[in-house]
Amino acid sequence: MFEGPFAMTTAATTTAKRRLDILGLYPEELARAIAPLGAKTYAAKQLYGWVYAKGVSGFGEMLNLSKELRRGLAQNFYVEMPALLSKVSSQEGKVAKYLLSLADAGKIECVLIGMRDKDTFCISSQVGCRFRCAFCATGRMGLKRNLSASEILSQVLFLRAAEDGDAGSERAFNIVFMGMGEPLDNYDNVVRAIRIMGNPDGLAVGGRRITLSTCGLPHRIRDLAKEDLGIGLALSLNATTDETRAELIPAAKKFHLEEILDSLRYFAERSGRRVTLEYVLIAGVNDGPGDAKRLALIASSLPSKINLIALNPSPGIRLRRPSDEAVERFVQILYPRAPAVTLRKSKGSDILAACGQLGVEARKRGPVRERGGPGRAASP
């Protein structure tokens, strides 16, 4: 059983429905919410620190708050966290995938990727996805619903606690919106969650530590640039022509590639950061010499870097991974032409936790408990 302080059963969640979830509230919103309890103006800052910085969800443990306020908080508020259904660890290194159940029994997956000096938390933004990319398992689920800002933030708190079995870990971490769903299709909740992540009294995760990956919604990319969040942006490109891209990403039929690239140029100019062009290599589809040369031209047309990754096979997806020789030929064509190229090695593919693999277990297995169990409710 996962014993982190941020695990909450759906039964406890049902009881808590009469109270207000404080996750996902901006500091000023939290201050207004607790003001009727007689809370001082600085109490919201203290509460923010307990929940986000220290990883404490039980109000009774927040000892620098008055007993009366703690009692009022327990009666009127709660911290909504998902319940752990399963955890699977990879044999390829420090990678673990978590299947989580939400308050309405919706299921999402998130991944903890261990690095030498810091970890990466791969989080989801939707239950499923409506864009149905041909190489992605999540798209086969269809879109069930958007995640709230609270549900997005809860994954970060969950993974930080799970990382070492306790909350408030001192180990540094990055956050990537590369789990289930299209983040820009859930724009308002994702932006709210990112702003709350950056609050210095809470998680204090600056934009340099956050990367958002999108299949390419140009109007939303421009909107995101205007938010001035300082985050990194990655485009799931995967093809160098509109025709091939429309086959791989049906949503691409609505937006021409040049329109998307123009929005990326705007984002790069506004943010001062290079964008990442993610390119999944698929045998016989987008891995030819002509594809490599066109990809190099695209990368040279805007401030960018290229992340290549060979297709990760998933159940129900018939596309094939290219041979190592084909990948190497593709890379050799790119290197003298493109500004920056990285060939990524997937981590966690043995547990279906790598790029494009999330969602299959959440759809097929339901409430399976594997080396884990339902979380325990946080006591008030």
Foldseek 3Di string as FASTA:
>chain_A
DQAELQFAFLVVVVVCPQAAAPFLDDLVRQQVVLVVLVDDSCVSLLVQLVCFQFNAFQLVVSVVDDPSSSVVCQVHYGHFAWWWQEKDADPQDGKIKTWTAGNVRQIFIKMWADDDQAIETAFEFFRAEQFLFLQFPSVVVHGPGTDALSHRLNSVQVCCCVVVVYGNDPGHYAYEPQTHYFDLVVPPRSVSNLVSCCPPSGVNHAQDRYEYEHCFDLVSLLVVLVVQRLHAYEHADAFLALVLSCVRGVVSVVPGPVSRLVSQQNSCVSNVDAHEYEHEDWPPRQLDLVNLVSVLVSQVVHRYAYEYEFRQDEPPRDIHTDDPVSVVVSVVSNVVRHPYYDYDDFPPSVVLNTRNRIDPCSPPPRSHYDPHRTYHRNHD
